[in-house]
Amino acid sequence: MSPKKTKSRGKLGTLFAVGSSVTLAPVLARRFKEARAKGDKLAIADAAVSAAALGVGVLQVLRARKGSKPSGKAES
């Protein structure tokens, strides 16, 4: 079987994914601060895991975008 080919995001899709992630960052920061003020360890962990997932998602989008660019070199 051949590997499944997926369509890469265009420039607009990449900007949308990164932009929506950036707008979520302040919300996560506020949730983290509120959880620390209350001493709620579960809410702190939730905010930290959400922030990590957000970061990984942005990195995946950027890596996929970088991998879809033509390198300009011929494959041998």
PDB file of N, CA and C in Angstrom:
ATOM      1  N   MET A   1       0.835  -1.186   0.000  1.00  0.00           N
ATOM      2  CA  MET A   1       0.000   0.000   0.000  1.00  0.00           C
ATOM      3  C   MET A   1       0.881   1.251   0.000  1.00  0.00           C
ATOM      4  N   SER A   2       0.446   2.257  -0.691  1.00  0.00           N
ATOM      5  CA  SER A   2       1.187   3.511  -0.699  1.00  0.00           C
ATOM      6  C   SER A   2       0.779   4.352   0.505  1.00  0.00           C
ATOM      7  N   PRO A   3       1.696   5.180   0.988  1.00  0.00           N
ATOM      8  CA  PRO A   3       1.350   6.031   2.128  1.00  0.00           C
ATOM      9  C   PRO A   3       0.241   7.012   1.742  1.00  0.00           C
ATOM     10  N   LYS A   4      -0.581   7.308   2.714  1.00  0.00           N
ATOM     11  CA  LYS A   4      -1.703   8.211   2.471  1.00  0.00           C
ATOM     12  C   LYS A   4      -1.187   9.633   2.270  1.00  0.00           C
ATOM     13  N   LYS A   5      -1.601  10.230   1.177  1.00  0.00           N
ATOM     14  CA  LYS A   5      -1.189  11.605   0.906  1.00  0.00           C
ATOM     15  C   LYS A   5      -2.229  12.552   1.486  1.00  0.00           C
ATOM     16  N   THR A   6      -1.740  13.596   2.145  1.00  0.00           N
ATOM     17  CA  THR A   6      -2.642  14.594   2.704  1.00  0.00           C
ATOM     18  C   THR A   6      -2.352  15.939   2.068  1.00  0.00           C
ATOM     19  N   LYS A   7      -3.376  16.711   1.928  1.00  0.00           N
ATOM     20  CA  LYS A   7      -3.226  18.041   1.357  1.00  0.00           C
ATOM     21  C   LYS A   7      -2.682  18.974   2.429  1.00  0.00           C
ATOM     22  N   SER A   8      -1.630  19.693   2.104  1.00  0.00           N
ATOM     23  CA  SER A   8      -1.060  20.613   3.077  1.00  0.00           C
ATOM     24  C   SER A   8      -1.883  21.897   3.126  1.00  0.00           C
ATOM     25  N   ARG A   9      -1.806  22.559   4.255  1.00  0.00           N
ATOM     26  CA  ARG A   9      -2.524  23.828   4.407  1.00  0.00           C
ATOM     27  C   ARG A   9      -1.860  24.892   3.561  1.00  0.00           C
ATOM     28  N   GLY A  10      -2.671  25.785   3.075  1.00  0.00           N
ATOM     29  CA  GLY A  10      -2.129  26.923   2.356  1.00  0.00           C
ATOM     30  C   GLY A  10      -1.710  27.996   3.339  1.00  0.00           C
ATOM     31  N   LYS A  11      -1.287  29.106   2.802  1.00  0.00           N
ATOM     32  CA  LYS A  11      -0.830  30.204   3.661  1.00  0.00           C
ATOM     33  C   LYS A  11      -1.964  30.712   4.548  1.00  0.00           C
ATOM     34  N   LEU A  12      -3.160  30.814   4.013  1.00  0.00           N
ATOM     35  CA  LEU A  12      -4.295  31.300   4.794  1.00  0.00           C
ATOM     36  C   LEU A  12      -4.647  30.331   5.917  1.00  0.00           C
ATOM     37  N   GLY A  13      -4.626  29.036   5.626  1.00  0.00           N
ATOM     38  CA  GLY A  13      -4.915  28.039   6.653  1.00  0.00           C
ATOM     39  C   GLY A  13      -3.903  28.057   7.775  1.00  0.00           C
ATOM     40  N   THR A  14      -2.643  28.233   7.414  1.00  0.00           N
ATOM     41  CA  THR A  14      -1.584  28.308   8.415  1.00  0.00           C
ATOM     42  C   THR A  14      -1.761  29.541   9.285  1.00  0.00           C
ATOM     43  N   LEU A  15      -2.028  30.670   8.658  1.00  0.00           N
ATOM     44  CA  LEU A  15      -2.235  31.907   9.420  1.00  0.00           C
ATOM     45  C   LEU A  15      -3.440  31.785  10.344  1.00  0.00           C
ATOM     46  N   PHE A  16      -4.495  31.139   9.887  1.00  0.00           N
ATOM     47  CA  PHE A  16      -5.676  30.958  10.715  1.00  0.00           C
ATOM     48  C   PHE A  16      -5.363  30.080  11.925  1.00  0.00           C
ATOM     49  N   ALA A  17      -4.662  28.977  11.688  1.00  0.00           N
ATOM     50  CA  ALA A  17      -4.339  28.055  12.785  1.00  0.00           C
ATOM     51  C   ALA A  17      -3.442  28.718  13.821  1.00  0.00           C
ATOM     52  N   VAL A  18      -2.425  29.411  13.377  1.00  0.00           N
ATOM     53  CA  VAL A  18      -1.513  30.076  14.306  1.00  0.00           C
ATOM     54  C   VAL A  18      -2.210  31.249  14.987  1.00  0.00           C
ATOM     55  N   GLY A  19      -2.988  32.007  14.234  1.00  0.00           N
ATOM     56  CA  GLY A  19      -3.696  33.154  14.804  1.00  0.00           C
ATOM     57  C   GLY A  19      -4.703  32.760  15.864  1.00  0.00           C
ATOM     58  N   SER A  20      -5.449  31.707  15.618  1.00  0.00           N
ATOM     59  CA  SER A  20      -6.428  31.280  16.612  1.00  0.00           C
ATOM     60  C   SER A  20      -5.727  30.754  17.866  1.00  0.00           C
ATOM     61  N   SER A  21      -4.577  30.146  17.684  1.00  0.00           N
ATOM     62  CA  SER A  21      -3.812  29.674  18.839  1.00  0.00           C
ATOM     63  C   SER A  21      -3.269  30.837  19.654  1.00  0.00           C
ATOM     64  N   VAL A  22      -2.816  31.858  18.975  1.00  0.00           N
ATOM     65  CA  VAL A  22      -2.273  33.034  19.674  1.00  0.00           C
ATOM     66  C   VAL A  22      -3.370  33.740  20.463  1.00  0.00           C
ATOM     67  N   THR A  23      -4.580  33.782  19.937  1.00  0.00           N
ATOM     68  CA  THR A  23      -5.662  34.438  20.665  1.00  0.00           C
ATOM     69  C   THR A  23      -6.108  33.622  21.872  1.00  0.00           C
ATOM     70  N   LEU A  24      -5.833  32.336  21.880  1.00  0.00           N
ATOM     71  CA  LEU A  24      -6.189  31.490  23.013  1.00  0.00           C
ATOM     72  C   LEU A  24      -5.160  31.584  24.143  1.00  0.00           C
ATOM     73  N   ALA A  25      -3.946  31.976  23.841  1.00  0.00           N
ATOM     74  CA  ALA A  25      -2.874  32.034  24.839  1.00  0.00           C
ATOM     75  C   ALA A  25      -3.219  32.926  26.038  1.00  0.00           C
ATOM     76  N   PRO A  26      -3.759  34.134  25.860  1.00  0.00           N
ATOM     77  CA  PRO A  26      -4.103  34.954  27.028  1.00  0.00           C
ATOM     78  C   PRO A  26      -5.196  34.322  27.905  1.00  0.00           C
ATOM     79  N   VAL A  27      -6.109  33.604  27.288  1.00  0.00           N
ATOM     80  CA  VAL A  27      -7.158  32.925  28.048  1.00  0.00           C
ATOM     81  C   VAL A  27      -6.543  31.861  28.950  1.00  0.00           C
ATOM     82  N   LEU A  28      -5.611  31.099  28.399  1.00  0.00           N
ATOM     83  CA  LEU A  28      -4.940  30.076  29.190  1.00  0.00           C
ATOM     84  C   LEU A  28      -4.106  30.689  30.301  1.00  0.00           C
ATOM     85  N   ALA A  29      -3.457  31.814  30.026  1.00  0.00           N
ATOM     86  CA  ALA A  29      -2.664  32.497  31.056  1.00  0.00           C
ATOM     87  C   ALA A  29      -3.562  32.962  32.200  1.00  0.00           C
ATOM     88  N   ARG A  30      -4.733  33.495  31.863  1.00  0.00           N
ATOM     89  CA  ARG A  30      -5.670  33.951  32.896  1.00  0.00           C
ATOM     90  C   ARG A  30      -6.160  32.778  33.729  1.00  0.00           C
ATOM     91  N   ARG A  31      -6.492  31.667  33.061  1.00  0.00           N
ATOM     92  CA  ARG A  31      -6.942  30.472  33.796  1.00  0.00           C
ATOM     93  C   ARG A  31      -5.865  29.964  34.738  1.00  0.00           C
ATOM     94  N   PHE A  32      -4.608  30.002  34.277  1.00  0.00           N
ATOM     95  CA  PHE A  32      -3.499  29.542  35.104  1.00  0.00           C
ATOM     96  C   PHE A  32      -3.331  30.448  36.331  1.00  0.00           C
ATOM     97  N   LYS A  33      -3.400  31.764  36.130  1.00  0.00           N
ATOM     98  CA  LYS A  33      -3.254  32.704  37.246  1.00  0.00           C
ATOM     99  C   LYS A  33      -4.378  32.543  38.267  1.00  0.00           C
ATOM    100  N   GLU A  34      -5.602  32.383  37.771  1.00  0.00           N
ATOM    101  CA  GLU A  34      -6.739  32.196  38.674  1.00  0.00           C
ATOM    102  C   GLU A  34      -6.600  30.899  39.470  1.00  0.00           C
ATOM    103  N   ALA A  35      -6.157  29.847  38.837  1.00  0.00           N
ATOM    104  CA  ALA A  35      -5.975  28.565  39.510  1.00  0.00           C
ATOM    105  C   ALA A  35      -4.889  28.661  40.573  1.00  0.00           C
ATOM    106  N   ARG A  36      -3.805  29.366  40.268  1.00  0.00           N
ATOM    107  CA  ARG A  36      -2.735  29.544  41.259  1.00  0.00           C
ATOM    108  C   ARG A  36      -3.229  30.356  42.447  1.00  0.00           C
ATOM    109  N   ALA A  37      -4.035  31.391  42.182  1.00  0.00           N
ATOM    110  CA  ALA A  37      -4.547  32.221  43.270  1.00  0.00           C
ATOM    111  C   ALA A  37      -5.457  31.411  44.189  1.00  0.00           C
ATOM    112  N   LYS A  38      -6.215  30.491  43.618  1.00  0.00           N
ATOM    113  CA  LYS A  38      -7.121  29.650  44.412  1.00  0.00           C
ATOM    114  C   LYS A  38      -6.394  28.444  45.019  1.00  0.00           C
ATOM    115  N   GLY A  39      -5.216  28.121  44.494  1.00  0.00           N
ATOM    116  CA  GLY A  39      -4.490  26.946  44.964  1.00  0.00           C
ATOM    117  C   GLY A  39      -5.070  25.647  44.444  1.00  0.00           C
ATOM    118  N   ASP A  40      -5.790  25.713  43.334  1.00  0.00           N
ATOM    119  CA  ASP A  40      -6.431  24.541  42.742  1.00  0.00           C
ATOM    120  C   ASP A  40      -5.439  23.817  41.837  1.00  0.00           C
ATOM    121  N   LYS A  41      -4.853  22.736  42.338  1.00  0.00           N
ATOM    122  CA  LYS A  41      -3.818  22.022  41.595  1.00  0.00           C
ATOM    123  C   LYS A  41      -4.357  21.380  40.315  1.00  0.00           C
ATOM    124  N   LEU A  42      -5.584  20.907  40.356  1.00  0.00           N
ATOM    125  CA  LEU A  42      -6.160  20.288  39.169  1.00  0.00           C
ATOM    126  C   LEU A  42      -6.360  21.327  38.057  1.00  0.00           C
ATOM    127  N   ALA A  43      -6.820  22.515  38.412  1.00  0.00           N
ATOM    128  CA  ALA A  43      -7.005  23.571  37.418  1.00  0.00           C
ATOM    129  C   ALA A  43      -5.662  24.060  36.884  1.00  0.00           C
ATOM    130  N   ILE A  44      -4.635  24.071  37.739  1.00  0.00           N
ATOM    131  CA  ILE A  44      -3.290  24.437  37.284  1.00  0.00           C
ATOM    132  C   ILE A  44      -2.806  23.422  36.257  1.00  0.00           C
ATOM    133  N   ALA A  45      -2.984  22.144  36.569  1.00  0.00           N
ATOM    134  CA  ALA A  45      -2.569  21.090  35.644  1.00  0.00           C
ATOM    135  C   ALA A  45      -3.354  21.179  34.338  1.00  0.00           C
ATOM    136  N   ASP A  46      -4.644  21.471  34.430  1.00  0.00           N
ATOM    137  CA  ASP A  46      -5.473  21.590  33.225  1.00  0.00           C
ATOM    138  C   ASP A  46      -4.975  22.717  32.333  1.00  0.00           C
ATOM    139  N   ALA A  47      -4.671  23.865  32.927  1.00  0.00           N
ATOM    140  CA  ALA A  47      -4.177  25.006  32.149  1.00  0.00           C
ATOM    141  C   ALA A  47      -2.814  24.694  31.537  1.00  0.00           C
ATOM    142  N   ALA A  48      -1.953  24.015  32.287  1.00  0.00           N
ATOM    143  CA  ALA A  48      -0.620  23.679  31.778  1.00  0.00           C
ATOM    144  C   ALA A  48      -0.705  22.686  30.620  1.00  0.00           C
ATOM    145  N   VAL A  49      -1.545  21.680  30.754  1.00  0.00           N
ATOM    146  CA  VAL A  49      -1.702  20.693  29.683  1.00  0.00           C
ATOM    147  C   VAL A  49      -2.329  21.342  28.445  1.00  0.00           C
ATOM    148  N   SER A  50      -3.295  22.216  28.660  1.00  0.00           N
ATOM    149  CA  SER A  50      -3.909  22.916  27.528  1.00  0.00           C
ATOM    150  C   SER A  50      -2.884  23.776  26.801  1.00  0.00           C
ATOM    151  N   ALA A  51      -2.028  24.455  27.561  1.00  0.00           N
ATOM    152  CA  ALA A  51      -0.993  25.286  26.947  1.00  0.00           C
ATOM    153  C   ALA A  51       0.007  24.425  26.171  1.00  0.00           C
ATOM    154  N   ALA A  52       0.351  23.278  26.724  1.00  0.00           N
ATOM    155  CA  ALA A  52       1.274  22.377  26.030  1.00  0.00           C
ATOM    156  C   ALA A  52       0.655  21.863  24.734  1.00  0.00           C
ATOM    157  N   ALA A  53      -0.612  21.499  24.784  1.00  0.00           N
ATOM    158  CA  ALA A  53      -1.305  21.024  23.582  1.00  0.00           C
ATOM    159  C   ALA A  53      -1.374  22.129  22.529  1.00  0.00           C
ATOM    160  N   LEU A  54      -1.600  23.339  22.980  1.00  0.00           N
ATOM    161  CA  LEU A  54      -1.640  24.482  22.067  1.00  0.00           C
ATOM    162  C   LEU A  54      -0.285  24.667  21.390  1.00  0.00           C
ATOM    163  N   GLY A  55       0.774  24.595  22.169  1.00  0.00           N
ATOM    164  CA  GLY A  55       2.121  24.745  21.621  1.00  0.00           C
ATOM    165  C   GLY A  55       2.458  23.656  20.623  1.00  0.00           C
ATOM    166  N   VAL A  56       2.113  22.431  20.943  1.00  0.00           N
ATOM    167  CA  VAL A  56       2.380  21.309  20.039  1.00  0.00           C
ATOM    168  C   VAL A  56       1.588  21.474  18.742  1.00  0.00           C
ATOM    169  N   GLY A  57       0.350  21.919  18.862  1.00  0.00           N
ATOM    170  CA  GLY A  57      -0.463  22.132  17.665  1.00  0.00           C
ATOM    171  C   GLY A  57       0.136  23.171  16.738  1.00  0.00           C
ATOM    172  N   VAL A  58       0.612  24.262  17.303  1.00  0.00           N
ATOM    173  CA  VAL A  58       1.245  25.310  16.492  1.00  0.00           C
ATOM    174  C   VAL A  58       2.503  24.768  15.828  1.00  0.00           C
ATOM    175  N   LEU A  59       3.307  24.033  16.580  1.00  0.00           N
ATOM    176  CA  LEU A  59       4.530  23.464  16.002  1.00  0.00           C
ATOM    177  C   LEU A  59       4.232  22.477  14.882  1.00  0.00           C
ATOM    178  N   GLN A  60       3.169  21.686  15.030  1.00  0.00           N
ATOM    179  CA  GLN A  60       2.793  20.747  13.972  1.00  0.00           C
ATOM    180  C   GLN A  60       2.371  21.476  12.705  1.00  0.00           C
ATOM    181  N   VAL A  61       1.611  22.543  12.868  1.00  0.00           N
ATOM    182  CA  VAL A  61       1.183  23.324  11.704  1.00  0.00           C
ATOM    183  C   VAL A  61       2.387  23.922  11.001  1.00  0.00           C
ATOM    184  N   LEU A  62       3.301  24.493  11.782  1.00  0.00           N
ATOM    185  CA  LEU A  62       4.478  25.114  11.185  1.00  0.00           C
ATOM    186  C   LEU A  62       5.385  24.076  10.524  1.00  0.00           C
ATOM    187  N   ARG A  63       5.522  22.898  11.136  1.00  0.00           N
ATOM    188  CA  ARG A  63       6.351  21.850  10.543  1.00  0.00           C
ATOM    189  C   ARG A  63       5.734  21.344   9.243  1.00  0.00           C
ATOM    190  N   ALA A  64       4.418  21.175   9.235  1.00  0.00           N
ATOM    191  CA  ALA A  64       3.747  20.718   8.025  1.00  0.00           C
ATOM    192  C   ALA A  64       3.882  21.757   6.921  1.00  0.00           C
ATOM    193  N   ARG A  65       3.800  23.006   7.289  1.00  0.00           N
ATOM    194  CA  ARG A  65       3.946  24.091   6.315  1.00  0.00           C
ATOM    195  C   ARG A  65       5.363  24.109   5.750  1.00  0.00           C
ATOM    196  N   LYS A  66       6.352  23.937   6.635  1.00  0.00           N
ATOM    197  CA  LYS A  66       7.739  23.940   6.193  1.00  0.00           C
ATOM    198  C   LYS A  66       8.025  22.742   5.287  1.00  0.00           C
ATOM    199  N   GLY A  67       7.449  21.593   5.619  1.00  0.00           N
ATOM    200  CA  GLY A  67       7.671  20.384   4.834  1.00  0.00           C
ATOM    201  C   GLY A  67       7.004  20.411   3.481  1.00  0.00           C
ATOM    202  N   SER A  68       6.011  21.265   3.301  1.00  0.00           N
ATOM    203  CA  SER A  68       5.306  21.300   2.032  1.00  0.00           C
ATOM    204  C   SER A  68       5.942  22.231   1.016  1.00  0.00           C
ATOM    205  N   LYS A  69       6.934  23.018   1.447  1.00  0.00           N
ATOM    206  CA  LYS A  69       7.613  23.924   0.523  1.00  0.00           C
ATOM    207  C   LYS A  69       8.569  23.148  -0.366  1.00  0.00           C
ATOM    208  N   PRO A  70       8.617  23.481  -1.641  1.00  0.00           N
ATOM    209  CA  PRO A  70       9.583  22.822  -2.518  1.00  0.00           C
ATOM    210  C   PRO A  70      11.002  23.253  -2.138  1.00  0.00           C
ATOM    211  N   SER A  71      11.920  22.325  -2.122  1.00  0.00           N
ATOM    212  CA  SER A  71      13.284  22.625  -1.692  1.00  0.00           C
ATOM    213  C   SER A  71      14.140  23.223  -2.809  1.00  0.00           C
ATOM    214  N   GLY A  72      13.715  23.034  -4.029  1.00  0.00           N
ATOM    215  CA  GLY A  72      14.481  23.559  -5.147  1.00  0.00           C
ATOM    216  C   GLY A  72      15.584  22.615  -5.603  1.00  0.00           C
ATOM    217  N   LYS A  73      15.780  21.520  -4.884  1.00  0.00           N
ATOM    218  CA  LYS A  73      16.802  20.536  -5.254  1.00  0.00           C
ATOM    219  C   LYS A  73      16.128  19.321  -5.873  1.00  0.00           C
ATOM    220  N   ALA A  74      16.760  18.754  -6.856  1.00  0.00           N
ATOM    221  CA  ALA A  74      16.235  17.548  -7.493  1.00  0.00           C
ATOM    222  C   ALA A  74      16.571  16.346  -6.636  1.00  0.00           C
ATOM    223  N   GLU A  75      15.589  15.431  -6.513  1.00  0.00           N
ATOM    224  CA  GLU A  75      15.819  14.208  -5.753  1.00  0.00           C
ATOM    225  C   GLU A  75      16.567  13.216  -6.626  1.00  0.00           C
ATOM    226  N   SER A  76      17.475  12.444  -6.021  1.00  0.00           N
ATOM    227  CA  SER A  76      18.198  11.440  -6.789  1.00  0.00           C
ATOM    228  C   SER A  76      17.743  10.070  -6.411  1.00  0.00           C
TER     229      SER A  76
END
